[in-house]
Amino acid sequence: MDTGSYPMWEKYRLKQEHLVIGLMSGTSLDGTDAALVHIQTDMSGALQQIELVDFVCVPYSNELRDVLIRLCSPGTARVDELTAAHFGVSEWYAHSVTELMRSAGISTQQVDMISMHGQTVWHAPVASAFPGPTGAGIDVVSTLQIGECAVVRERTGLPVIGNLRARDMAAGGEGAPLTPYADALMFRSPTEGRLVQNIGGIGNVTVLPSESSSEGISAFDTGPGNMVMDAIVRQATDGRQHYDPNGSIAAQGKVDQGLVDLCLEDEYFKRLPPKSTGREVYGAAYAVRLMEMAAKRSLSLEDTLATATCLTAETIVRAVKDFILPKVQISAMLACGGGTSNATLMEMIRQRLPKDIRLERTADYGIPDDAREAIGFALLGHEALMGRTNTLPAVTGAKHAVISGNLTL
């Protein structure tokens, strides 16, 4: 069949073998993840197989991380720096694609497209007042992921899908979490209920009931993941260190349960899902307040980090107990994200989980812990190009499912 005159998306849908690159940089601000994913479909376009071909992570430099940290705070963000970063971070994404193709030993001619998340600098799912076009005020929800798709398109020569959160928010959703759609494709089981617990800067959980249909899936942000812990380390070391390696500092401290309980009074932890949060709530300012409370209680850095680590573990497990187990029978929690390398955090989660729930990792199911989100965004881009909705209203709270993402040809 001659497809030379077909639009790009029509050519894509006629194929049964697809190579897609998923790009992800998360709220931990640690770097760019790039996953090369082989997606196989049948003659009808239905998904048959997902395979990770290769994966690379390009760490951010300290200079870039410092810029992004400033842009994530209203008190330090500048519009000129934000605009420059919108284009500048795209060069990091393009470089990651180059590194991925070099690692995999392939050329751009073999890749169908790139699906890129961008770098979140602000996520505001709770409505705020804004001047309306008729003179009356309107309520607006908003989100901003920087990273200019046109730059990545020019540098790589590949079509790029980006801006994947905006349309869900336009449809009344929170625009997050998005990867549960992909989690269902990768991890659902016909015989047992599972949780996919991502521990990035923010923690989020996907609930996959046994024999789940898309209507049975739910997900929400549990609260801070690594974000508060990382911010405390940066503050305490004047930026010389950005995280607690393997949780080794926290392991030397003692948890102040009274301070944990005080933090757990936060309204967010009691709010019913669907819900999402981000750096604007649990970023540097929150960490400073926590450190000030810890200082008043004469806590050492080790005790403070142990307490912050416990806070993340408690919010993850309490979310399971409060919002999931009363409705769904769960047999396993599959952890992923950077937090899985924190042995102290993982042990705290294990101790708090009900004994009949196994704590495992997505790596045990063939999906590396740090690659799951990049793979997920590759799948979201694939579904969009196939002309299928790629959001779950039950997860985000939107009025209806949408085909989310902007295509740059």
Protein backbone atom coordinates (compact mmCIF):
# COMPACT_ATOMS: atom_id res chain seq x y z
CA MET A 1 0.00 0.00 0.00
CA ASP A 2 1.35 3.41 -0.97
CA THR A 3 1.11 5.61 2.12
CA GLY A 4 3.32 8.41 0.85
CA SER A 5 0.50 10.95 0.68
CA TYR A 6 -1.09 9.96 4.01
CA PRO A 7 -0.85 12.34 7.00
CA MET A 8 1.69 11.21 9.57
CA TRP A 9 -0.94 9.98 12.03
CA GLU A 10 -2.67 7.90 9.36
CA LYS A 11 0.63 6.23 8.46
CA TYR A 12 1.19 5.55 12.15
CA ARG A 13 -2.18 3.86 12.56
CA LEU A 14 -1.60 1.60 9.55
CA LYS A 15 1.50 0.11 11.18
CA GLN A 16 1.52 -2.79 13.62
CA GLU A 17 5.07 -2.26 14.92
CA HIS A 18 5.92 1.08 16.53
CA LEU A 19 9.07 2.46 18.12
CA VAL A 20 8.25 5.37 20.43
CA ILE A 21 10.48 7.41 22.70
CA GLY A 22 8.99 8.54 26.02
CA LEU A 23 10.64 11.52 27.74
CA MET A 24 10.07 12.32 31.39
CA SER A 25 11.58 14.74 33.89
CA GLY A 26 9.89 14.69 37.25
CA THR A 27 9.35 16.86 40.28
CA SER A 28 12.52 15.50 41.89
CA LEU A 29 14.46 17.63 39.37
CA ASP A 30 17.11 14.94 39.08
CA GLY A 31 17.31 14.62 35.30
CA THR A 32 15.69 13.47 32.09
CA ASP A 33 14.56 9.87 31.56
CA ALA A 34 14.30 8.57 27.99
CA ALA A 35 12.73 5.20 27.18
CA LEU A 36 12.67 3.51 23.78
CA VAL A 37 9.51 1.44 23.70
CA HIS A 38 8.43 -1.17 21.15
CA ILE A 39 4.65 -1.25 20.85
CA GLN A 40 2.92 -3.97 18.86
CA THR A 41 -0.71 -3.78 17.74
CA ASP A 42 -3.01 -6.12 15.83
CA MET A 43 -4.75 -5.42 12.53
CA SER A 44 -7.50 -3.51 14.34
CA GLY A 45 -4.99 -1.30 16.16
CA ALA A 46 -5.53 -2.95 19.54
CA LEU A 47 -2.43 -3.06 21.73
CA GLN A 48 -0.82 -6.50 21.89
CA GLN A 49 2.63 -6.10 23.43
CA ILE A 50 4.78 -3.49 25.19
CA GLU A 51 8.55 -3.96 25.37
CA LEU A 52 11.25 -1.69 26.78
CA VAL A 53 14.07 -1.69 24.23
CA ASP A 54 16.47 0.68 26.00
CA PHE A 55 16.51 3.35 28.68
CA VAL A 56 18.88 6.18 29.62
CA CYS A 57 18.87 8.86 32.29
CA VAL A 58 20.70 12.15 31.75
CA PRO A 59 21.25 13.83 35.16
CA TYR A 60 20.64 17.55 35.38
CA SER A 61 23.66 19.70 36.14
CA ASN A 62 23.70 21.56 39.44
CA GLU A 63 23.35 24.83 37.49
CA LEU A 64 20.19 23.70 35.71
CA ARG A 65 18.73 22.24 38.89
CA ASP A 66 19.27 25.57 40.67
CA VAL A 67 17.48 27.40 37.86
CA LEU A 68 14.52 25.03 37.97
CA ILE A 69 14.25 25.23 41.75
CA ARG A 70 14.01 29.03 41.48
CA LEU A 71 11.33 28.74 38.79
CA CYS A 72 9.21 26.45 40.97
CA SER A 73 8.70 29.18 43.58
CA PRO A 74 6.64 32.36 43.01
CA GLY A 75 9.05 34.27 45.22
CA THR A 76 12.06 33.56 43.01
CA ALA A 77 10.66 32.87 39.53
CA ARG A 78 11.38 35.46 36.84
CA VAL A 79 9.59 35.59 33.51
CA ASP A 80 12.81 36.07 31.50
CA GLU A 81 14.44 33.05 33.16
CA LEU A 82 11.24 31.01 32.75
CA THR A 83 11.11 31.76 29.04
CA ALA A 84 14.77 30.88 28.55
CA ALA A 85 14.32 27.64 30.51
CA HIS A 86 11.29 26.70 28.40
CA PHE A 87 13.56 26.54 25.38
CA GLY A 88 16.78 25.61 27.18
CA VAL A 89 15.50 22.48 28.90
CA SER A 90 14.35 21.25 25.48
CA GLU A 91 18.01 20.97 24.51
CA TRP A 92 18.41 18.51 27.39
CA TYR A 93 15.47 16.49 26.06
CA ALA A 94 16.94 16.43 22.55
CA HIS A 95 20.33 15.42 23.97
CA SER A 96 18.64 12.58 25.88
CA VAL A 97 17.09 11.33 22.65
CA THR A 98 20.51 11.36 20.99
CA GLU A 99 22.04 9.45 23.92
CA LEU A 100 19.19 6.92 23.87
CA MET A 101 19.54 6.23 20.15
CA ARG A 102 23.31 5.89 20.53
CA SER A 103 22.82 3.42 23.37
CA ALA A 104 20.23 1.42 21.42
CA GLY A 105 22.24 1.52 18.20
CA ILE A 106 19.41 2.89 16.07
CA SER A 107 18.80 5.91 13.85
CA THR A 108 15.98 8.44 13.84
CA GLN A 109 14.61 6.81 10.70
CA GLN A 110 13.66 3.79 12.79
CA VAL A 111 11.72 5.81 15.40
CA ASP A 112 8.10 6.84 14.84
CA MET A 113 7.73 9.70 17.32
CA ILE A 114 8.58 11.23 20.70
CA SER A 115 6.08 11.68 23.52
CA MET A 116 7.37 14.15 26.09
CA HIS A 117 6.03 15.23 29.44
CA GLY A 118 8.09 18.37 29.99
CA GLN A 119 9.30 19.76 33.31
CA THR A 120 6.55 20.76 35.72
CA VAL A 121 7.26 24.11 37.38
CA TRP A 122 3.76 24.80 38.68
CA HIS A 123 0.62 22.70 39.05
CA ALA A 124 -2.52 24.37 40.39
CA PRO A 125 -5.54 22.03 40.21
CA VAL A 126 -7.43 24.05 42.83
CA ALA A 127 -9.30 26.89 41.14
CA SER A 128 -8.22 30.49 41.64
CA ALA A 129 -9.96 33.69 40.60
CA PHE A 130 -9.09 35.28 37.26
CA PRO A 131 -10.57 38.22 35.27
CA GLY A 132 -13.19 36.94 32.85
CA PRO A 133 -13.91 38.05 29.25
CA THR A 134 -17.37 39.38 30.15
CA GLY A 135 -16.18 41.44 33.12
CA ALA A 136 -17.15 38.89 35.76
CA GLY A 137 -14.47 36.87 37.53
CA ILE A 138 -13.89 33.25 36.53
CA ASP A 139 -12.37 30.28 38.34
CA VAL A 140 -9.26 28.91 36.64
CA VAL A 141 -7.23 25.74 37.17
CA SER A 142 -3.81 25.62 35.58
CA THR A 143 -0.58 23.75 35.09
CA LEU A 144 2.74 24.52 33.42
CA GLN A 145 5.23 22.02 32.04
CA ILE A 146 8.10 23.80 30.33
CA GLY A 147 9.93 22.32 27.34
CA GLU A 148 9.31 23.53 23.79
CA CYS A 149 8.29 20.67 21.52
CA ALA A 150 9.39 22.60 18.43
CA VAL A 151 12.99 22.59 19.65
CA VAL A 152 12.97 18.81 20.16
CA ARG A 153 11.36 18.40 16.72
CA GLU A 154 14.06 20.49 15.05
CA ARG A 155 16.96 18.82 16.87
CA THR A 156 15.79 15.23 16.33
CA GLY A 157 13.74 15.41 13.13
CA LEU A 158 10.97 13.41 14.81
CA PRO A 159 7.30 14.30 15.43
CA VAL A 160 6.73 15.25 19.07
CA ILE A 161 3.65 15.02 21.26
CA GLY A 162 3.70 17.21 24.38
CA ASN A 163 1.55 19.28 26.73
CA LEU A 164 -0.20 16.13 27.89
CA ARG A 165 -1.95 17.51 30.98
CA ALA A 166 -3.71 20.59 29.66
CA ARG A 167 -6.73 19.13 27.90
CA ASP A 168 -7.76 17.01 30.86
CA MET A 169 -7.77 20.18 32.97
CA ALA A 170 -9.78 21.97 30.31
CA ALA A 171 -12.31 19.13 30.62
CA GLY A 172 -12.64 19.75 34.35
CA GLY A 173 -9.96 17.35 35.59
CA GLU A 174 -6.87 17.87 37.73
CA GLY A 175 -4.52 16.89 34.90
CA ALA A 176 -2.85 14.38 37.20
CA PRO A 177 -1.98 11.68 37.66
CA LEU A 178 -1.83 10.67 33.98
CA THR A 179 0.26 7.49 33.99
CA PRO A 180 -2.46 5.27 35.57
CA TYR A 181 -3.79 4.77 32.05
CA ALA A 182 -0.45 3.21 31.14
CA ASP A 183 -0.14 1.40 34.48
CA ALA A 184 -3.29 -0.52 33.62
CA LEU A 185 -1.77 -1.60 30.31
CA MET A 186 1.45 -2.75 31.99
CA PHE A 187 0.54 -4.12 35.41
CA ARG A 188 -3.10 -5.10 35.84
CA SER A 189 -3.73 -8.71 36.78
CA PRO A 190 -6.78 -10.92 36.21
CA THR A 191 -6.27 -12.63 39.57
CA GLU A 192 -5.24 -10.02 42.15
CA GLY A 193 -5.62 -6.37 43.03
CA ARG A 194 -2.43 -4.32 42.77
CA LEU A 195 -1.16 -0.87 43.62
CA VAL A 196 1.50 0.92 41.59
CA GLN A 197 3.12 3.36 44.00
CA ASN A 198 5.38 5.90 42.34
CA ILE A 199 7.79 7.70 44.66
CA GLY A 200 9.18 10.64 42.75
CA GLY A 201 9.22 14.18 44.04
CA ILE A 202 5.53 13.61 44.74
CA GLY A 203 4.07 10.21 45.61
CA ASN A 204 1.16 8.90 43.57
CA VAL A 205 -0.65 5.60 43.60
CA THR A 206 -2.58 3.73 40.91
CA VAL A 207 -5.24 1.28 42.07
CA LEU A 208 -5.71 -1.72 39.77
CA PRO A 209 -8.53 -3.98 40.98
CA SER A 210 -8.33 -7.59 39.87
CA GLU A 211 -9.83 -8.12 36.41
CA SER A 212 -10.11 -4.36 36.25
CA SER A 213 -11.64 -2.52 33.36
CA SER A 214 -10.60 1.08 32.72
CA GLU A 215 -13.69 2.15 34.67
CA GLY A 216 -12.45 0.33 37.76
CA ILE A 217 -9.07 2.03 37.89
CA SER A 218 -8.41 4.92 40.26
CA ALA A 219 -5.37 6.96 41.22
CA PHE A 220 -4.31 10.03 43.17
CA ASP A 221 -1.31 11.80 44.65
CA THR A 222 -0.54 10.53 48.15
CA GLY A 223 1.54 13.60 49.08
CA PRO A 224 5.28 14.27 49.24
CA GLY A 225 7.58 11.58 47.90
CA ASN A 226 11.26 12.52 47.86
CA MET A 227 10.59 16.25 47.62
CA VAL A 228 10.67 17.24 51.28
CA MET A 229 13.60 14.96 52.09
CA ASP A 230 15.61 16.32 49.15
CA ALA A 231 14.87 19.93 50.07
CA ILE A 232 16.03 19.38 53.65
CA VAL A 233 19.32 17.90 52.42
CA ARG A 234 19.88 20.81 50.00
CA GLN A 235 19.12 23.35 52.71
CA ALA A 236 21.30 21.67 55.31
CA THR A 237 24.30 21.30 52.96
CA ASP A 238 23.96 24.70 51.23
CA GLY A 239 23.29 22.89 47.95
CA ARG A 240 26.37 20.66 48.06
CA GLN A 241 24.17 17.57 48.28
CA HIS A 242 20.74 17.08 46.74
CA TYR A 243 19.38 13.92 48.37
CA ASP A 244 19.95 11.37 51.12
CA PRO A 245 21.84 8.51 49.41
CA ASN A 246 20.07 5.24 50.14
CA GLY A 247 18.44 6.91 53.14
CA SER A 248 21.75 6.58 55.00
CA ILE A 249 21.43 9.90 56.89
CA ALA A 250 17.85 9.18 57.97
CA ALA A 251 18.91 5.70 59.10
CA GLN A 252 21.12 7.32 61.74
CA GLY A 253 18.29 9.39 63.18
CA LYS A 254 15.24 8.85 65.34
CA VAL A 255 11.72 9.63 64.15
CA ASP A 256 9.84 12.32 66.09
CA GLN A 257 6.38 10.76 65.82
CA GLY A 258 4.79 13.81 67.42
CA LEU A 259 6.08 16.01 64.60
CA VAL A 260 4.94 13.45 62.01
CA ASP A 261 1.45 13.45 63.53
CA LEU A 262 1.43 17.26 63.47
CA CYS A 263 2.30 17.23 59.75
CA LEU A 264 -0.39 14.64 59.10
CA GLU A 265 -3.00 17.19 60.21
CA ASP A 266 -2.50 18.81 56.78
CA GLU A 267 -5.88 19.06 55.05
CA TYR A 268 -4.56 17.42 51.87
CA PHE A 269 -4.07 14.04 53.52
CA LYS A 270 -7.71 13.99 54.61
CA ARG A 271 -9.19 15.13 51.29
CA LEU A 272 -11.00 12.45 49.33
CA PRO A 273 -9.61 11.46 45.90
CA PRO A 274 -9.43 12.37 43.08
CA LYS A 275 -6.74 14.83 44.11
CA SER A 276 -3.27 15.96 43.08
CA THR A 277 -0.55 18.15 44.52
CA GLY A 278 2.97 19.31 43.78
CA ARG A 279 5.96 21.48 44.59
CA GLU A 280 3.76 24.53 45.15
CA VAL A 281 2.51 22.78 48.33
CA TYR A 282 5.36 20.49 49.42
CA GLY A 283 8.37 22.30 48.00
CA ALA A 284 11.20 24.29 49.56
CA ALA A 285 8.95 26.53 51.67
CA TYR A 286 7.28 23.50 53.25
CA ALA A 287 10.68 21.95 53.99
CA VAL A 288 11.88 25.16 55.65
CA ARG A 289 8.79 25.19 57.91
CA LEU A 290 9.41 21.56 58.81
CA MET A 291 13.05 22.30 59.64
CA GLU A 292 12.00 25.23 61.81
CA MET A 293 9.61 23.00 63.76
CA ALA A 294 12.35 20.37 64.06
CA ALA A 295 14.81 22.98 65.40
CA LYS A 296 12.31 24.02 68.09
CA ARG A 297 12.18 20.37 69.12
CA SER A 298 16.03 20.20 69.15
CA LEU A 299 16.16 17.59 66.40
CA SER A 300 19.45 16.86 64.66
CA LEU A 301 19.70 16.71 60.85
CA GLU A 302 19.57 12.92 61.12
CA ASP A 303 16.42 13.06 63.27
CA THR A 304 14.83 15.63 60.96
CA LEU A 305 15.46 13.49 57.88
CA ALA A 306 14.22 10.36 59.66
CA THR A 307 11.04 12.27 60.52
CA ALA A 308 10.59 13.56 56.94
CA THR A 309 11.18 10.04 55.59
CA CYS A 310 8.61 8.69 58.00
CA LEU A 311 6.16 11.37 56.84
CA THR A 312 6.41 10.09 53.27
CA ALA A 313 5.99 6.48 54.38
CA GLU A 314 3.02 7.34 56.61
CA THR A 315 1.22 9.34 53.92
CA ILE A 316 1.65 6.51 51.41
CA VAL A 317 0.37 3.79 53.72
CA ARG A 318 -2.38 5.88 55.30
CA ALA A 319 -3.69 6.72 51.84
CA VAL A 320 -3.91 2.99 51.15
CA LYS A 321 -5.68 2.27 54.42
CA ASP A 322 -8.03 5.28 54.34
CA PHE A 323 -9.04 5.49 50.69
CA ILE A 324 -8.29 2.16 48.98
CA LEU A 325 -8.65 -0.88 51.25
CA PRO A 326 -12.24 -0.05 52.31
CA LYS A 327 -13.23 -0.47 48.64
CA VAL A 328 -10.69 -2.76 46.93
CA GLN A 329 -8.93 -5.97 47.93
CA ILE A 330 -5.19 -5.51 47.35
CA SER A 331 -2.48 -8.19 47.31
CA ALA A 332 0.63 -6.28 46.21
CA MET A 333 2.15 -2.81 46.10
CA LEU A 334 4.55 -2.34 43.18
CA ALA A 335 6.89 0.54 44.04
CA CYS A 336 8.77 2.58 41.45
CA GLY A 337 10.51 5.91 41.05
CA GLY A 338 13.64 7.28 42.68
CA GLY A 339 12.33 6.60 46.18
CA THR A 340 12.83 2.86 45.72
CA SER A 341 16.59 3.42 46.06
CA ASN A 342 16.02 4.79 49.58
CA ALA A 343 16.32 1.66 51.70
CA THR A 344 15.22 3.48 54.87
CA LEU A 345 12.02 4.71 53.22
CA MET A 346 11.23 1.32 51.70
CA GLU A 347 11.65 -0.39 55.06
CA MET A 348 9.38 2.17 56.75
CA ILE A 349 6.71 1.49 54.12
CA ARG A 350 7.13 -2.27 54.53
CA GLN A 351 6.70 -2.03 58.32
CA ARG A 352 3.49 -0.02 57.98
CA LEU A 353 1.76 -1.93 55.20
CA PRO A 354 -0.79 -4.57 56.21
CA LYS A 355 0.94 -7.94 56.40
CA ASP A 356 -1.16 -9.43 53.61
CA ILE A 357 0.09 -6.85 51.06
CA ARG A 358 3.41 -7.69 49.39
CA LEU A 359 5.83 -4.81 48.82
CA GLU A 360 7.47 -5.37 45.45
CA ARG A 361 8.96 -3.23 42.68
CA THR A 362 7.93 -2.70 39.09
CA ALA A 363 11.40 -4.03 38.20
CA ASP A 364 10.15 -7.43 39.39
CA TYR A 365 7.65 -7.23 36.50
CA GLY A 366 10.15 -6.25 33.81
CA ILE A 367 9.74 -2.46 34.11
CA PRO A 368 12.77 -0.76 35.74
CA ASP A 369 11.75 1.37 38.71
CA ASP A 370 13.08 4.59 37.18
CA ALA A 371 11.75 3.89 33.65
CA ARG A 372 8.06 3.37 34.41
CA GLU A 373 6.98 7.00 33.90
CA ALA A 374 8.93 7.46 30.67
CA ILE A 375 7.39 4.24 29.33
CA GLY A 376 4.01 5.48 30.50
CA PHE A 377 4.28 8.72 28.54
CA ALA A 378 5.39 6.78 25.45
CA LEU A 379 2.15 4.81 25.73
CA LEU A 380 0.06 7.97 26.23
CA GLY A 381 1.53 9.45 23.06
CA HIS A 382 0.90 6.20 21.18
CA GLU A 383 -2.74 6.10 22.21
CA ALA A 384 -3.21 9.73 21.16
CA LEU A 385 -1.79 9.03 17.69
CA MET A 386 -4.04 5.98 17.42
CA GLY A 387 -6.97 8.36 17.93
CA ARG A 388 -7.96 6.92 21.29
CA THR A 389 -8.69 8.75 24.51
CA ASN A 390 -5.73 8.48 26.88
CA THR A 391 -7.10 9.87 30.15
CA LEU A 392 -9.22 8.37 32.92
CA PRO A 393 -11.94 10.71 34.24
CA ALA A 394 -12.37 8.52 37.33
CA VAL A 395 -8.73 9.29 38.15
CA THR A 396 -8.50 13.00 37.32
CA GLY A 397 -12.09 14.07 37.98
CA ALA A 398 -12.65 15.31 34.41
CA LYS A 399 -16.14 15.44 32.93
CA HIS A 400 -15.16 13.03 30.17
CA ALA A 401 -12.16 11.25 28.67
CA VAL A 402 -10.11 13.17 26.11
CA ILE A 403 -7.30 12.65 23.61
CA SER A 404 -4.64 14.63 25.41
CA GLY A 405 -1.48 16.07 23.87
CA ASN A 406 -0.36 18.55 21.19
CA LEU A 407 1.38 17.17 18.09
CA THR A 408 4.31 19.08 16.57
CA LEU A 409 5.01 17.86 13.02
